Protein backbone atom coordinates (compact mmCIF):
# COMPACT_ATOMS: atom_id res chain seq x y z
CA MET A 1 -7.27 5.01 -8.07
CA SER A 2 -7.69 1.49 -9.52
CA ALA A 3 -8.41 2.98 -12.92
CA SER A 4 -4.92 4.47 -12.81
CA LEU A 5 -3.41 0.99 -12.79
CA THR A 6 -4.49 0.36 -16.36
CA VAL A 7 -0.88 0.78 -17.45
CA LEU A 8 -0.32 -2.67 -15.98
CA SER A 9 -3.33 -4.23 -17.65
CA GLY A 10 -4.83 -4.70 -21.10
CA SER A 11 -6.66 -7.58 -22.73
CA ASN A 12 -3.61 -9.28 -24.25
CA LEU A 13 -1.51 -8.92 -21.10
CA THR A 14 -4.35 -10.10 -18.88
CA VAL A 15 -4.78 -13.30 -20.87
CA ALA A 16 -1.05 -14.00 -21.17
CA LEU A 17 0.04 -13.23 -17.62
CA GLY A 18 -3.07 -14.10 -15.66
CA PRO A 19 -2.52 -14.44 -11.86
CA ASP A 20 0.98 -12.96 -12.02
CA LEU A 21 -0.37 -9.71 -13.42
CA ALA A 22 -3.13 -9.63 -10.81
CA ALA A 23 -0.48 -10.06 -8.12
CA ALA A 24 1.56 -7.22 -9.61
CA ILE A 25 -1.47 -4.91 -9.49
CA ASP A 26 -2.13 -5.85 -5.85
CA LEU A 27 1.49 -5.12 -4.98
CA ALA A 28 1.33 -1.78 -6.78
CA LYS A 29 -1.68 -0.86 -4.66
CA ALA A 30 0.18 -1.90 -1.50
CA GLU A 31 2.87 0.70 -2.23
CA LYS A 32 0.75 3.21 -0.30
CA ALA A 33 -1.01 2.78 3.02
CA ALA A 34 -4.73 2.06 2.79
CA SER A 35 -5.58 5.44 4.31
CA THR A 36 -3.36 7.20 1.75
CA ARG A 37 -4.95 5.31 -1.15
CA LYS A 38 -8.40 6.23 0.13
CA ALA A 39 -7.48 9.91 0.44
CA TYR A 40 -5.83 9.95 -3.00
CA GLY A 41 -8.88 8.25 -4.49
CA THR A 42 -11.16 10.94 -3.10
CA ASP A 43 -8.82 13.71 -4.26
CA PHE A 44 -8.57 12.34 -7.78
CA ARG A 45 -12.34 11.89 -8.07
CA LEU A 46 -12.76 15.57 -7.17
CA PHE A 47 -10.26 16.52 -9.86
CA ARG A 48 -12.00 14.30 -12.40
CA ALA A 49 -15.37 15.87 -11.53
CA TYR A 50 -13.87 19.34 -12.10
CA ARG A 51 -12.35 18.22 -15.38
CA ASP A 52 -15.68 16.78 -16.57
CA TRP A 53 -17.53 19.89 -15.50
CA LYS A 54 -15.16 22.12 -17.47
CA ARG A 55 -15.11 19.63 -20.38
CA VAL A 56 -11.35 19.79 -20.73
CA GLY A 57 -10.69 16.24 -21.82
CA ALA A 58 -9.25 13.06 -20.35
CA LEU A 59 -5.81 12.12 -19.09
CA PRO A 60 -3.12 13.23 -19.35
CA ALA A 61 -4.36 16.48 -17.88
CA ALA A 62 -2.88 19.70 -19.19
CA PRO A 63 -0.83 21.74 -16.69
CA GLY A 64 -3.23 24.64 -17.20
CA THR A 65 -6.17 22.45 -16.19
CA VAL A 66 -4.40 21.37 -13.02
CA ALA A 67 -3.39 24.93 -12.15
CA ALA A 68 -6.94 26.21 -12.68
CA TYR A 69 -8.35 23.38 -10.56
CA LEU A 70 -5.95 24.11 -7.70
CA ALA A 71 -6.77 27.82 -7.83
CA ALA A 72 -10.48 27.00 -7.58
CA GLU A 73 -9.90 24.57 -4.69
CA ALA A 74 -7.77 27.12 -2.82
CA GLN A 75 -10.86 29.21 -2.15
CA THR A 76 -12.16 26.61 0.31
CA ALA A 77 -9.39 24.06 0.95
CA LYS A 78 -6.38 24.43 3.24
CA PRO A 79 -2.90 24.66 1.67
CA SER A 80 -2.09 21.26 3.18
CA THR A 81 -5.12 19.79 1.42
CA ILE A 82 -4.02 21.40 -1.84
CA GLY A 83 -0.66 19.68 -1.43
CA ARG A 84 -2.40 16.33 -1.12
CA ARG A 85 -4.56 17.07 -4.17
CA VAL A 86 -1.36 17.66 -6.16
CA ALA A 87 0.16 14.42 -4.88
CA ALA A 88 -2.97 12.46 -5.87
CA ILE A 89 -2.98 13.88 -9.40
CA ARG A 90 0.74 13.15 -9.77
CA TYR A 91 0.33 9.60 -8.45
CA ALA A 92 -2.57 8.83 -10.79
CA HIS A 93 -0.59 9.97 -13.82
CA LYS A 94 2.49 8.00 -12.81
CA LEU A 95 0.52 4.80 -12.30
CA ALA A 96 -1.05 5.29 -15.71
CA GLY A 97 2.39 5.75 -17.29
CA LEU A 98 1.64 9.32 -18.32
CA ASP A 99 3.61 12.55 -18.10
CA THR A 100 2.93 14.31 -14.81
CA PRO A 101 1.43 17.78 -15.31
CA THR A 102 2.20 18.64 -11.69
CA ASP A 103 5.89 18.94 -12.57
CA ALA A 104 5.21 21.90 -14.87
CA GLU A 105 6.55 25.19 -13.55
CA GLY A 106 3.16 26.84 -13.97
CA VAL A 107 1.58 24.32 -11.59
CA ARG A 108 4.47 24.60 -9.11
CA ALA A 109 4.18 28.40 -9.17
CA THR A 110 0.44 28.16 -8.53
CA VAL A 111 1.04 25.95 -5.50
CA ARG A 112 3.66 28.35 -4.14
CA GLY A 113 1.27 31.23 -4.67
CA ILE A 114 -1.49 29.39 -2.81
CA ARG A 115 0.80 28.76 0.15
CA ARG A 116 1.92 32.37 0.20
CA THR A 117 -1.59 33.78 -0.16
CA PHE A 118 -3.65 31.38 1.92
CA GLY A 119 -0.99 29.89 4.17
CA GLY A 120 -0.36 30.76 7.76
CA ALA A 121 0.77 29.31 11.02
CA LYS A 122 -0.58 25.83 11.60
CA THR A 123 -3.00 25.40 14.48
CA LYS A 124 -1.29 22.89 16.72
CA LYS A 125 -3.27 20.59 18.95
CA ALA A 126 -2.39 20.78 22.62
CA PRO A 127 0.06 18.18 23.94
CA ALA A 128 -1.34 15.88 26.62
CA VAL A 129 1.68 16.30 28.89
CA ALA A 130 2.24 13.98 31.84
CA ALA A 131 0.24 16.02 34.37
CA ARG A 132 -2.72 16.24 31.99
CA ILE A 133 -2.58 12.52 31.22
CA LEU A 134 -2.73 11.76 34.93
CA GLY A 135 -5.74 14.03 35.25
CA MET A 136 -7.43 12.41 32.26
CA VAL A 137 -6.98 8.79 33.37
CA ALA A 138 -8.15 9.71 36.87
CA THR A 139 -11.60 10.29 35.37
CA ALA A 140 -11.86 6.81 33.82
CA PRO A 141 -15.09 5.16 34.99
CA ALA A 142 -15.36 1.73 36.55
CA GLY A 143 -15.98 -1.15 34.18
CA LEU A 144 -14.45 -2.56 31.04
CA ALA A 145 -14.55 0.65 29.01
CA GLY A 146 -12.76 2.59 31.73
CA ILE A 147 -10.08 -0.10 32.10
CA ARG A 148 -9.52 -0.13 28.34
CA ASP A 149 -9.43 3.65 28.05
CA ARG A 150 -6.94 3.96 30.90
CA ALA A 151 -4.64 1.41 29.24
CA LEU A 152 -4.92 3.09 25.85
CA LEU A 153 -4.18 6.58 27.15
CA LEU A 154 -1.24 5.52 29.30
CA LEU A 155 0.32 3.25 26.68
CA GLY A 156 -0.29 5.77 23.91
CA PHE A 157 1.50 8.43 25.94
CA ALA A 158 4.34 6.25 27.25
CA GLY A 159 5.19 4.95 23.77
CA ALA A 160 4.69 8.25 21.91
CA PHE A 161 2.39 6.29 19.63
CA ARG A 162 0.67 7.56 16.55
CA ARG A 163 -2.97 6.58 16.74
CA SER A 164 -2.62 4.27 13.71
CA GLU A 165 0.22 2.43 15.46
CA LEU A 166 -1.78 2.12 18.65
CA VAL A 167 -4.83 0.51 17.08
CA ALA A 168 -2.63 -1.81 14.99
CA LEU A 169 -1.07 -3.45 18.06
CA ASP A 170 -1.67 -7.17 18.63
CA VAL A 171 -1.02 -9.19 21.77
CA ALA A 172 1.85 -10.87 19.93
CA ASP A 173 3.55 -7.47 19.65
CA ILE A 174 3.89 -7.16 23.43
CA ALA A 175 6.55 -8.80 25.61
CA GLU A 176 6.44 -8.22 29.37
CA THR A 177 9.75 -8.05 31.23
CA GLU A 178 10.77 -7.18 34.78
CA THR A 179 11.79 -3.70 33.68
CA GLY A 180 8.77 -2.90 31.53
CA LEU A 181 7.28 -3.72 28.15
CA LEU A 182 8.94 -4.40 24.83
CA VAL A 183 6.53 -3.35 22.09
CA THR A 184 7.10 -4.21 18.45
CA ILE A 185 5.63 -1.74 15.97
CA ARG A 186 5.21 -3.66 12.74
CA ALA A 187 4.75 -0.67 10.44
CA SER A 188 4.31 3.06 10.75
CA LYS A 189 4.23 6.34 8.88
CA THR A 190 8.04 6.39 8.72
CA ASP A 191 8.33 2.64 8.11
CA GLN A 192 6.21 2.01 5.03
CA GLU A 193 8.25 -1.09 4.17
CA GLY A 194 7.15 -2.75 7.40
CA GLU A 195 10.60 -3.58 8.69
CA GLY A 196 9.37 -3.04 12.25
CA VAL A 197 10.99 -1.60 15.35
CA THR A 198 10.86 -2.49 19.04
CA ILE A 199 10.55 0.17 21.73
CA ALA A 200 10.66 -0.01 25.50
CA ILE A 201 7.84 1.14 27.78
CA ALA A 202 8.99 1.96 31.29
CA HIS A 203 6.99 1.34 34.47
CA GLY A 204 5.20 4.35 35.92
CA ASP A 205 5.36 5.45 39.55
CA ILE A 206 1.90 7.05 39.72
CA ALA A 207 0.00 5.53 36.79
CA CYS A 208 1.77 2.54 35.28
CA PRO A 209 1.10 1.76 31.59
CA VAL A 210 2.44 -1.77 32.06
CA LYS A 211 -0.03 -2.59 34.83
CA ALA A 212 -2.84 -0.77 33.03
CA LEU A 213 -2.35 -2.84 29.89
CA ARG A 214 -2.23 -6.11 31.82
CA ALA A 215 -5.41 -5.13 33.69
CA TRP A 216 -7.22 -4.52 30.38
CA LEU A 217 -6.08 -7.77 28.73
CA ASP A 218 -7.05 -9.79 31.80
CA ALA A 219 -10.41 -8.06 32.29
CA ALA A 220 -11.33 -8.44 28.60
CA GLY A 221 -9.99 -11.99 28.36
CA ILE A 222 -7.84 -11.07 25.36
CA GLU A 223 -5.08 -13.59 24.70
CA ALA A 224 -4.44 -13.02 20.98
CA GLY A 225 -5.28 -10.64 18.19
CA PRO A 226 -6.02 -6.91 18.46
CA ILE A 227 -5.33 -5.30 21.83
CA PHE A 228 -7.65 -2.31 21.73
CA ARG A 229 -11.17 -3.26 20.72
CA PRO A 230 -14.65 -1.75 20.71
CA ILE A 231 -17.12 -2.64 23.46
CA ASP A 232 -20.79 -2.82 22.53
CA LYS A 233 -23.68 -1.44 24.57
CA GLY A 234 -24.16 -4.83 26.19
CA GLY A 235 -20.61 -4.76 27.54
CA THR A 236 -19.28 -7.36 25.08
CA VAL A 237 -15.74 -6.86 23.79
CA ARG A 238 -15.81 -7.09 20.01
CA PRO A 239 -13.11 -8.98 18.05
CA SER A 240 -12.39 -6.04 15.74
CA ARG A 241 -9.97 -3.14 16.30
CA LEU A 242 -10.70 0.36 17.45
CA THR A 243 -10.37 2.86 14.63
CA CYS A 244 -8.02 5.83 14.48
CA ARG A 245 -11.06 8.09 14.78
CA SER A 246 -12.08 6.26 17.96
CA VAL A 247 -8.71 7.08 19.52
CA ALA A 248 -9.04 10.76 18.62
CA ASN A 249 -12.57 10.89 20.04
CA LEU A 250 -11.45 9.12 23.20
CA VAL A 251 -8.62 11.62 23.79
CA LYS A 252 -11.03 14.52 23.30
CA ASP A 253 -13.59 12.95 25.61
CA TYR A 254 -11.12 12.45 28.45
CA ALA A 255 -9.65 15.91 27.98
CA GLY A 256 -13.15 17.27 28.50
CA ARG A 257 -13.70 15.08 31.54
CA ALA A 258 -10.50 16.50 33.05
CA GLY A 259 -11.77 20.05 32.59
CA LEU A 260 -9.64 20.81 29.54
CA ASP A 261 -10.77 22.28 26.22
CA ALA A 262 -11.61 19.10 24.32
CA SER A 263 -11.41 20.84 20.93
CA ALA A 264 -7.71 21.57 21.55
CA TYR A 265 -6.81 17.87 21.76
CA SER A 266 -6.52 15.06 19.25
CA GLY A 267 -5.03 11.60 18.90
CA HIS A 268 -1.65 13.23 18.25
CA SER A 269 -1.80 14.85 21.71
CA LEU A 270 -0.57 11.59 23.26
CA ARG A 271 2.55 11.54 21.11
CA SER A 272 3.30 15.25 21.41
CA GLY A 273 2.55 15.09 25.13
CA PHE A 274 5.24 12.48 25.74
CA LEU A 275 7.82 14.40 23.71
CA THR A 276 7.02 17.71 25.35
CA SER A 277 7.16 16.14 28.82
CA ALA A 278 10.42 14.31 28.12
CA ALA A 279 12.01 17.48 26.73
CA GLY A 280 10.86 19.42 29.78
CA LYS A 281 12.67 16.94 32.04
CA GLY A 282 15.87 17.36 30.05
CA ALA A 283 15.79 13.94 28.38
CA SER A 284 18.40 13.26 25.71
CA ILE A 285 16.99 14.01 22.29
CA PHE A 286 18.43 10.72 21.05
CA LYS A 287 16.68 8.81 23.84
CA MET A 288 13.48 10.57 22.83
CA MET A 289 14.06 9.38 19.26
CA ASP A 290 14.42 5.81 20.52
CA VAL A 291 10.81 5.98 21.66
CA SER A 292 9.25 8.25 19.03
CA ARG A 293 11.11 6.74 16.02
CA HIS A 294 11.58 10.16 14.47
CA LYS A 295 14.04 10.10 11.58
CA SER A 296 15.00 13.76 11.90
CA VAL A 297 16.57 15.47 14.90
CA ASP A 298 15.28 18.77 13.54
CA THR A 299 11.68 17.69 14.11
CA LEU A 300 12.33 16.90 17.75
CA ARG A 301 14.16 20.16 18.32
CA GLY A 302 10.81 21.90 18.07
CA TYR A 303 9.53 19.99 21.10
CA VAL A 304 12.69 20.80 23.05
CA ARG A 305 12.42 24.48 22.16
CA ASP A 306 8.75 24.63 23.19
CA ALA A 307 9.54 22.99 26.52
CA GLU A 308 12.41 25.38 27.25
CA LEU A 309 10.96 28.71 26.10
CA PHE A 310 11.13 30.17 29.60
CA LYS A 311 14.29 28.38 30.75
CA ASP A 312 17.12 30.89 31.31
CA HIS A 313 14.97 33.48 29.55
CA ALA A 314 16.91 36.55 28.38
CA GLY A 315 14.27 38.81 29.84
CA ALA A 316 14.11 37.18 33.28
CA GLY A 317 14.69 39.77 36.00
CA LEU A 318 14.74 42.73 33.66
CA LEU A 319 11.41 44.15 34.82
């Protein structure tokens, strides 16, 4: 996507503004999360390859070109992926100071048609509810990896963490108190400006995330920097962070160990598991939001509804 920042550059500007212009370009890139920029970059390269293949010229792209590209992509890509392709094309044009072809009604109609034709109910990953989490952590092996995995699973569940938030945690983000942990989340999907928010992690009666985290930090000798780190084959804790993919793989692995269908679980299962469990216990939706940091009550209502599908069921006792 760096080529799309040319609207900020140019030989005369570069010479005149020097470091200030370079700083402006860096800040423009920082507008989006690194993962989003990477995805957009891939999406736009695919569009550019299609455009070159069809020999339909350079930017700005014609609405008809975009619509045709999306129709071709719809044969193999999910509607959600098509939506991201559109966003990437729009973003590239905006950064280049060009009119956005994605705003044309023909393109919008094509996207709506794709969703109507190829859309369908989303396949949700299974929530790792409290009982399943307990079963999963019970299978953690002895040794450093097991201690780390137990801490990650319990903390990820107890804080309704997104996997990106979990791997971004540093020791400095954790404050231990008599009543539990105070965890500062520096930035997240719903906090792109990085204002940060602090959540509370309560002690557990059966498997305590507070004790599990302390056990991992002490065993690994971690006093600063990233909390969750890779461990090499020799048993050495590396200074780098675990990746988001590592968290997803870990959740799947422990689901399988507990006798569950590993393919039905993902990194998001920790977050959805907490919310489903809390809703099932009748927790206040606003208290749930304190932990999950959801901006919309409507989103959380889905978890409450799923947890109460059979509560006071209208058909109970009819047959």
